[in-house]
Amino acid sequence: MEGEEGRGNCLAWAARDPSGILSPYQFDRRAVGTDDVALQIKYCGICYADVYSTRHQHNGTIYPLVPGHEITGVVKEVGSDVTQFKVGDRVGVGTYVNSCKDCERCSNFLEVHCKKVVFTFNGIDYDGTITKGGYSSHIVVHERYCFKIPDGYPLEFAAPLLCAGITVYKPMMHHKMNQPGKSLGVVGLGGLGHMAVKFGKAFGLNVTVFSTSESKRDEAINILGAEKFILSSDIQQMQEMEGKLDFIVDTAAGDHPVDPYLNMLNVHGIMVLVGFPSEIKLSPISLSIGARNLAGSVTGGTKDTQSMLEYCAAHKIYPKIELIKIDYINEALERMIKNDVKYRFVIDIENSFK
């Protein structure tokens, strides 16, 4: 139950209205139940969902809103029936914190697609309370929705994996994009896009990055290791790529034409949308010619998320982050809107609430 303004057992920053401006806030987290894990939050990544939720851009925002769904920390208490975790374990929490646990989707570890999934913030939990996210000092979560962070993997780098990482890893694995020698196009080079490039390189793919920003060419090729960089506003460069790609992961959030990218796919090529433009328009012939496939995806279920964390640890895949304190959050969100971050802000929660 939420405490009164200025009171409560959890320190946080919250938005109070559609201006999206965040400021200090306190509220009460629930007591630890028999199946719950309480973790002291160390780090929380900043996702674009934090922008549109705090600013009521997709409607449905319930204020005061505490954002944050890329959470890592250390277990400080466990319920009596918890079997997977113990005090002191390094854990993470991603984009959802509850589901029905009984439906076919939950049984197949596709909890994010459960019709009764509860998101980590701005969701209505089963007890009727409004969920509050990781811009806070601690969180209490059912053990099913916690993930073990592999030994030796830094918690600050693990945080963005819990949304940005799994959002591109899940569809890449589902559509068998881990075939060495195949060609991958990545549309957009932000938090999700740079992870798609990193996974593509780890899978042995030939990676082409598409961006509206020429300034990202050097980073894409010389730092991230992409084989090609295409300026998406250059019609000639785009046309020269027609029919040359086996896969495309489209991470762009803004509205943009889809047909030019579909035309780049080889026969039976697959394009996956993981961004959220307001609409997409395409010509059916772009799909029919070449028997191409257009799919969508969100984040992954619990089994896929744990596998992704272990894969990143085994292959030393780390997101590129900029570490900040919570009192810089409003500036960070403005910079994110301007695409001025390489490539994920992560809040140092532990040192922000001392």
Protein backbone atom coordinates (compact mmCIF):
# COMPACT_ATOMS: atom_id res chain seq x y z
CA MET A 1 0.00 0.00 0.00
CA GLU A 2 1.30 3.41 -0.91
CA GLY A 3 2.34 5.66 1.91
CA GLU A 4 1.60 9.34 2.28
CA GLU A 5 3.75 11.83 0.41
CA GLY A 6 7.12 12.05 2.15
CA ARG A 7 6.59 8.85 4.13
CA GLY A 8 7.13 5.14 3.50
CA ASN A 9 9.75 2.39 3.62
CA CYS A 10 10.97 2.89 0.04
CA LEU A 11 12.84 5.90 -1.32
CA ALA A 12 12.15 6.74 -4.96
CA TRP A 13 11.79 9.39 -7.64
CA ALA A 14 8.38 9.81 -9.26
CA ALA A 15 6.55 11.81 -11.90
CA ARG A 16 3.37 13.49 -10.64
CA ASP A 17 1.84 14.80 -13.88
CA PRO A 18 2.21 14.71 -17.70
CA SER A 19 5.14 17.11 -17.58
CA GLY A 20 7.13 13.98 -16.79
CA ILE A 21 9.34 15.82 -14.33
CA LEU A 22 10.57 13.45 -11.63
CA SER A 23 11.37 14.38 -8.04
CA PRO A 24 11.96 12.58 -4.71
CA TYR A 25 9.11 10.46 -3.39
CA GLN A 26 8.51 7.87 -0.67
CA PHE A 27 6.02 5.02 -0.50
CA ASP A 28 5.56 1.65 1.18
CA ARG A 29 6.56 -1.57 -0.55
CA ARG A 30 4.53 -4.60 0.47
CA ALA A 31 5.82 -6.98 3.10
CA VAL A 32 7.70 -10.04 1.82
CA GLY A 33 5.26 -12.87 1.13
CA THR A 34 6.03 -16.58 1.28
CA ASP A 35 7.04 -16.72 -2.41
CA ASP A 36 8.64 -13.28 -2.57
CA VAL A 37 12.16 -11.99 -2.94
CA ALA A 38 13.12 -8.54 -1.66
CA LEU A 39 16.13 -7.00 -3.33
CA GLN A 40 18.15 -3.94 -2.54
CA ILE A 41 18.36 -2.20 -5.90
CA LYS A 42 21.87 -1.35 -7.05
CA TYR A 43 21.25 -0.22 -10.62
CA CYS A 44 18.34 0.57 -12.92
CA GLY A 45 18.56 1.12 -16.67
CA ILE A 46 16.57 3.85 -18.39
CA CYS A 47 14.26 2.70 -21.20
CA TYR A 48 12.29 4.86 -23.63
CA ALA A 49 9.19 3.41 -21.99
CA ASP A 50 10.13 5.57 -19.00
CA VAL A 51 9.75 8.65 -21.21
CA TYR A 52 6.36 7.92 -22.72
CA SER A 53 4.94 6.58 -19.45
CA THR A 54 5.98 9.53 -17.31
CA ARG A 55 4.62 11.92 -19.94
CA HIS A 56 1.30 10.11 -20.45
CA GLN A 57 2.08 9.70 -24.16
CA HIS A 58 0.38 6.31 -24.53
CA ASN A 59 -2.43 7.16 -22.09
CA GLY A 60 -3.21 5.14 -18.99
CA THR A 61 -0.48 6.61 -16.78
CA ILE A 62 -1.38 6.48 -13.09
CA TYR A 63 0.36 9.17 -11.06
CA PRO A 64 2.52 9.30 -9.03
CA LEU A 65 4.57 7.08 -11.37
CA VAL A 66 7.88 5.47 -10.38
CA PRO A 67 9.45 4.18 -13.64
CA GLY A 68 12.21 1.65 -14.23
CA HIS A 69 12.14 -1.97 -15.44
CA GLU A 70 15.82 -2.79 -15.95
CA ILE A 71 16.63 -3.59 -12.33
CA THR A 72 19.61 -5.31 -10.72
CA GLY A 73 20.50 -5.70 -7.08
CA VAL A 74 21.19 -8.03 -4.19
CA VAL A 75 18.67 -10.17 -2.30
CA LYS A 76 18.11 -8.89 1.23
CA GLU A 77 15.17 -11.11 2.29
CA VAL A 78 13.31 -14.16 0.99
CA GLY A 79 9.95 -15.68 1.81
CA SER A 80 9.62 -19.01 3.61
CA ASP A 81 8.72 -20.94 0.42
CA VAL A 82 11.39 -19.44 -1.84
CA THR A 83 13.71 -22.10 -3.26
CA GLN A 84 15.64 -20.40 -6.06
CA PHE A 85 17.28 -17.54 -4.16
CA LYS A 86 18.97 -16.77 -0.88
CA VAL A 87 20.09 -13.60 0.88
CA GLY A 88 23.13 -12.13 -0.85
CA ASP A 89 22.34 -13.46 -4.33
CA ARG A 90 22.81 -11.10 -7.27
CA VAL A 91 19.53 -10.82 -9.13
CA GLY A 92 17.60 -8.86 -11.71
CA VAL A 93 13.98 -7.88 -12.42
CA GLY A 94 12.74 -7.03 -15.90
CA THR A 95 9.61 -5.66 -17.51
CA TYR A 96 6.97 -7.66 -15.61
CA VAL A 97 6.50 -8.80 -12.02
CA ASN A 98 3.45 -11.05 -12.13
CA SER A 99 1.22 -13.16 -14.35
CA CYS A 100 -1.52 -15.73 -13.81
CA LYS A 101 1.06 -18.59 -13.69
CA ASP A 102 -1.60 -21.09 -14.86
CA CYS A 103 -2.43 -20.38 -18.51
CA GLU A 104 -0.82 -22.09 -21.51
CA ARG A 105 1.46 -19.12 -22.09
CA CYS A 106 2.73 -19.09 -18.54
CA SER A 107 3.17 -22.87 -18.64
CA ASN A 108 5.38 -22.41 -21.72
CA PHE A 109 7.44 -19.66 -20.04
CA LEU A 110 5.89 -16.97 -22.23
CA GLU A 111 4.70 -14.97 -19.23
CA VAL A 112 5.10 -11.62 -20.98
CA HIS A 113 2.26 -12.71 -23.32
CA CYS A 114 -0.05 -13.78 -20.48
CA LYS A 115 -3.36 -11.92 -20.74
CA LYS A 116 -3.03 -11.04 -17.06
CA VAL A 117 0.63 -10.01 -17.08
CA VAL A 118 1.49 -7.27 -14.58
CA PHE A 119 4.16 -4.82 -15.69
CA THR A 120 6.88 -3.66 -13.33
CA PHE A 121 5.58 -0.11 -13.13
CA ASN A 122 2.21 1.50 -13.79
CA GLY A 123 0.55 -1.92 -13.68
CA ILE A 124 -2.32 -3.06 -11.49
CA ASP A 125 -1.11 -6.03 -9.44
CA TYR A 126 -3.32 -8.88 -8.28
CA ASP A 127 -3.80 -7.25 -4.87
CA GLY A 128 -5.09 -4.07 -6.52
CA THR A 129 -1.99 -1.98 -5.86
CA ILE A 130 -0.22 0.02 -8.57
CA THR A 131 3.25 -1.31 -9.34
CA LYS A 132 6.22 1.00 -8.93
CA GLY A 133 9.51 0.42 -10.66
CA GLY A 134 13.24 0.54 -10.19
CA TYR A 135 13.86 4.25 -9.67
CA SER A 136 13.69 3.24 -6.02
CA SER A 137 15.75 1.83 -3.18
CA HIS A 138 14.24 -1.69 -3.09
CA ILE A 139 11.58 -3.88 -4.64
CA VAL A 140 9.60 -6.99 -3.61
CA VAL A 141 8.87 -9.53 -6.36
CA HIS A 142 7.60 -13.11 -6.63
CA GLU A 143 10.64 -15.35 -7.14
CA ARG A 144 9.41 -16.50 -10.57
CA TYR A 145 10.09 -13.04 -11.99
CA CYS A 146 13.62 -12.68 -10.61
CA PHE A 147 16.70 -13.68 -12.56
CA LYS A 148 20.10 -14.84 -11.41
CA ILE A 149 22.92 -12.62 -12.60
CA PRO A 150 25.86 -14.88 -13.49
CA ASP A 151 28.91 -14.67 -11.25
CA GLY A 152 31.40 -12.09 -12.42
CA TYR A 153 28.96 -10.23 -14.68
CA PRO A 154 28.79 -6.59 -13.46
CA LEU A 155 25.36 -5.59 -12.20
CA GLU A 156 25.49 -2.20 -13.93
CA PHE A 157 25.89 -3.91 -17.32
CA ALA A 158 23.28 -6.55 -16.54
CA ALA A 159 20.55 -3.94 -15.99
CA PRO A 160 19.98 -2.99 -19.68
CA LEU A 161 19.89 -6.65 -20.66
CA LEU A 162 16.57 -7.03 -18.82
CA CYS A 163 14.72 -4.98 -21.44
CA ALA A 164 16.98 -3.78 -24.27
CA GLY A 165 18.94 -7.03 -24.37
CA ILE A 166 16.11 -9.55 -24.18
CA THR A 167 13.92 -7.51 -26.56
CA VAL A 168 16.31 -8.18 -29.43
CA TYR A 169 17.74 -11.52 -28.24
CA LYS A 170 14.35 -13.26 -28.03
CA PRO A 171 13.23 -12.69 -31.65
CA MET A 172 16.72 -13.32 -32.98
CA MET A 173 16.76 -16.73 -31.33
CA HIS A 174 13.13 -17.50 -32.16
CA HIS A 175 13.67 -16.76 -35.86
CA LYS A 176 17.00 -18.63 -35.91
CA MET A 177 19.12 -15.58 -36.61
CA ASN A 178 22.09 -17.26 -34.94
CA GLN A 179 23.34 -18.85 -38.17
CA PRO A 180 26.99 -17.94 -38.85
CA GLY A 181 27.58 -16.45 -42.26
CA LYS A 182 24.06 -15.09 -42.72
CA SER A 183 23.43 -11.37 -43.14
CA LEU A 184 21.66 -9.15 -40.62
CA GLY A 185 20.36 -5.61 -40.93
CA VAL A 186 19.84 -3.53 -37.79
CA VAL A 187 17.60 -0.48 -38.13
CA GLY A 188 18.43 2.16 -35.53
CA LEU A 189 21.49 2.30 -33.32
CA GLY A 190 20.20 3.11 -29.87
CA GLY A 191 19.87 0.99 -26.74
CA LEU A 192 18.18 -1.92 -28.55
CA GLY A 193 20.02 -1.51 -31.84
CA HIS A 194 23.51 -1.65 -30.41
CA MET A 195 22.60 -4.86 -28.55
CA ALA A 196 21.27 -6.38 -31.79
CA VAL A 197 24.63 -5.58 -33.40
CA LYS A 198 26.48 -7.18 -30.49
CA PHE A 199 24.38 -10.33 -30.64
CA GLY A 200 24.70 -10.45 -34.41
CA LYS A 201 28.48 -10.34 -34.18
CA ALA A 202 28.47 -13.00 -31.45
CA PHE A 203 26.31 -15.20 -33.71
CA GLY A 204 28.78 -14.82 -36.59
CA LEU A 205 26.50 -12.75 -38.80
CA ASN A 206 27.49 -10.16 -41.39
CA VAL A 207 25.94 -7.01 -39.89
CA THR A 208 24.72 -3.86 -41.66
CA VAL A 209 23.55 -0.89 -39.57
CA PHE A 210 20.91 1.53 -40.88
CA SER A 211 20.67 4.93 -39.22
CA THR A 212 19.47 8.45 -39.89
CA SER A 213 22.62 9.79 -38.21
CA GLU A 214 25.83 9.85 -40.23
CA SER A 215 27.65 10.56 -36.96
CA LYS A 216 27.07 6.93 -35.93
CA ARG A 217 29.03 5.45 -38.84
CA ASP A 218 32.40 5.33 -37.04
CA GLU A 219 30.92 3.82 -33.89
CA ALA A 220 28.94 1.21 -35.81
CA ILE A 221 31.91 -0.03 -37.81
CA ASN A 222 35.00 0.65 -35.73
CA ILE A 223 33.63 0.12 -32.22
CA LEU A 224 30.71 -2.28 -32.58
CA GLY A 225 32.22 -4.16 -35.53
CA ALA A 226 29.44 -3.90 -38.12
CA GLU A 227 30.57 -4.67 -41.67
CA LYS A 228 28.48 -1.91 -43.27
CA PHE A 229 26.78 1.35 -42.35
CA ILE A 230 23.95 2.71 -44.48
CA LEU A 231 22.55 6.23 -44.11
CA SER A 232 18.84 5.52 -44.41
CA SER A 233 18.11 8.90 -46.02
CA ASP A 234 20.45 8.07 -48.93
CA ILE A 235 18.15 6.50 -51.53
CA GLN A 236 21.01 5.14 -53.63
CA GLN A 237 22.68 3.42 -50.66
CA MET A 238 19.34 1.91 -49.68
CA GLN A 239 18.55 0.64 -53.18
CA GLU A 240 21.96 -1.00 -53.46
CA MET A 241 21.02 -3.25 -50.51
CA GLU A 242 17.91 -4.73 -52.14
CA GLY A 243 17.75 -8.51 -51.79
CA LYS A 244 20.99 -8.75 -49.80
CA LEU A 245 19.83 -9.46 -46.25
CA ASP A 246 18.60 -12.66 -44.61
CA PHE A 247 17.30 -10.94 -41.47
CA ILE A 248 16.40 -7.47 -40.25
CA VAL A 249 15.80 -6.32 -36.67
CA ASP A 250 13.99 -2.98 -36.74
CA THR A 251 14.45 -1.11 -33.45
CA ALA A 252 13.33 2.34 -34.65
CA ALA A 253 10.64 3.90 -32.48
CA GLY A 254 9.69 6.75 -34.82
CA ASP A 255 7.44 6.43 -37.86
CA HIS A 256 9.38 5.33 -40.94
CA PRO A 257 8.72 3.50 -44.21
CA VAL A 258 8.86 -0.29 -44.04
CA ASP A 259 8.82 -1.22 -47.75
CA PRO A 260 12.45 -0.20 -48.41
CA TYR A 261 13.64 -2.59 -45.70
CA LEU A 262 11.39 -5.46 -46.78
CA ASN A 263 12.84 -5.09 -50.29
CA MET A 264 16.30 -5.70 -48.85
CA LEU A 265 15.34 -9.19 -47.72
CA ASN A 266 16.39 -12.26 -49.63
CA VAL A 267 13.82 -14.96 -50.44
CA HIS A 268 12.10 -16.11 -47.22
CA GLY A 269 13.90 -13.33 -45.33
CA ILE A 270 12.56 -12.25 -41.96
CA MET A 271 12.08 -8.72 -40.60
CA VAL A 272 11.13 -8.26 -36.94
CA LEU A 273 9.72 -5.05 -35.49
CA VAL A 274 10.67 -4.44 -31.86
CA GLY A 275 10.14 -0.67 -31.80
CA PHE A 276 6.77 1.04 -31.41
CA PRO A 277 6.08 3.49 -34.24
CA SER A 278 2.57 4.94 -34.14
CA GLU A 279 1.72 3.07 -37.35
CA ILE A 280 3.31 1.15 -40.20
CA LYS A 281 2.34 1.22 -43.86
CA LEU A 282 3.50 -1.27 -46.43
CA SER A 283 2.64 -2.58 -49.85
CA PRO A 284 1.56 -6.24 -49.82
CA ILE A 285 3.77 -6.85 -52.84
CA SER A 286 6.81 -6.14 -50.64
CA LEU A 287 5.89 -9.25 -48.67
CA SER A 288 4.63 -11.43 -51.50
CA ILE A 289 7.59 -10.97 -53.83
CA GLY A 290 10.32 -13.08 -52.29
CA ALA A 291 7.91 -14.72 -49.81
CA ARG A 292 9.22 -12.40 -47.11
CA ASN A 293 8.11 -12.41 -43.49
CA LEU A 294 7.24 -9.48 -41.22
CA ALA A 295 6.93 -10.21 -37.50
CA GLY A 296 6.67 -8.37 -34.21
CA SER A 297 8.11 -9.07 -30.78
CA VAL A 298 8.32 -7.66 -27.29
CA THR A 299 10.51 -8.86 -24.44
CA GLY A 300 10.98 -12.53 -23.57
CA GLY A 301 9.64 -14.95 -21.01
CA THR A 302 11.47 -15.96 -17.87
CA LYS A 303 13.29 -18.94 -19.40
CA ASP A 304 14.55 -16.95 -22.39
CA THR A 305 15.65 -14.06 -20.18
CA GLN A 306 17.73 -16.30 -17.93
CA SER A 307 19.30 -17.96 -20.98
CA MET A 308 20.17 -14.57 -22.45
CA LEU A 309 21.89 -13.47 -19.24
CA GLU A 310 23.96 -16.64 -19.23
CA TYR A 311 24.82 -16.23 -22.92
CA CYS A 312 26.03 -12.67 -22.36
CA ALA A 313 28.19 -13.76 -19.45
CA ALA A 314 29.67 -16.70 -21.37
CA HIS A 315 30.46 -14.59 -24.46
CA LYS A 316 31.45 -11.41 -22.61
CA ILE A 317 28.73 -9.31 -24.24
CA TYR A 318 28.30 -6.00 -22.42
CA PRO A 319 26.00 -3.11 -23.31
CA LYS A 320 27.61 0.29 -23.61
CA ILE A 321 26.31 2.45 -20.77
CA GLU A 322 26.54 5.90 -19.23
CA LEU A 323 26.26 5.71 -15.43
CA ILE A 324 24.38 8.53 -13.71
CA LYS A 325 22.95 9.46 -10.32
CA ILE A 326 19.19 9.72 -9.84
CA ASP A 327 19.32 13.51 -9.48
CA TYR A 328 20.36 13.71 -13.15
CA ILE A 329 17.28 11.77 -14.29
CA ASN A 330 15.35 14.66 -15.84
CA GLU A 331 18.35 15.72 -17.91
CA ALA A 332 18.95 12.09 -18.91
CA LEU A 333 15.38 11.67 -20.15
CA GLU A 334 15.69 14.85 -22.23
CA ARG A 335 18.95 13.58 -23.69
CA MET A 336 17.32 10.23 -24.48
CA ILE A 337 14.58 12.02 -26.44
CA LYS A 338 17.34 13.75 -28.45
CA ASN A 339 19.10 10.41 -28.99
CA ASP A 340 22.06 11.80 -27.07
CA VAL A 341 23.29 8.68 -25.27
CA LYS A 342 25.63 5.84 -26.19
CA TYR A 343 23.72 3.67 -25.71
CA ARG A 344 21.94 3.19 -22.38
CA PHE A 345 21.72 5.33 -19.28
CA VAL A 346 21.99 3.33 -16.06
CA ILE A 347 21.15 4.88 -12.69
CA ASP A 348 23.53 4.14 -9.83
CA ILE A 349 20.71 3.60 -7.36
CA GLU A 350 22.88 2.47 -4.45
CA ASN A 351 24.89 5.70 -4.42
CA SER A 352 21.90 7.91 -5.21
CA PHE A 353 19.94 7.24 -2.02
CA LYS A 354 22.76 7.37 0.53
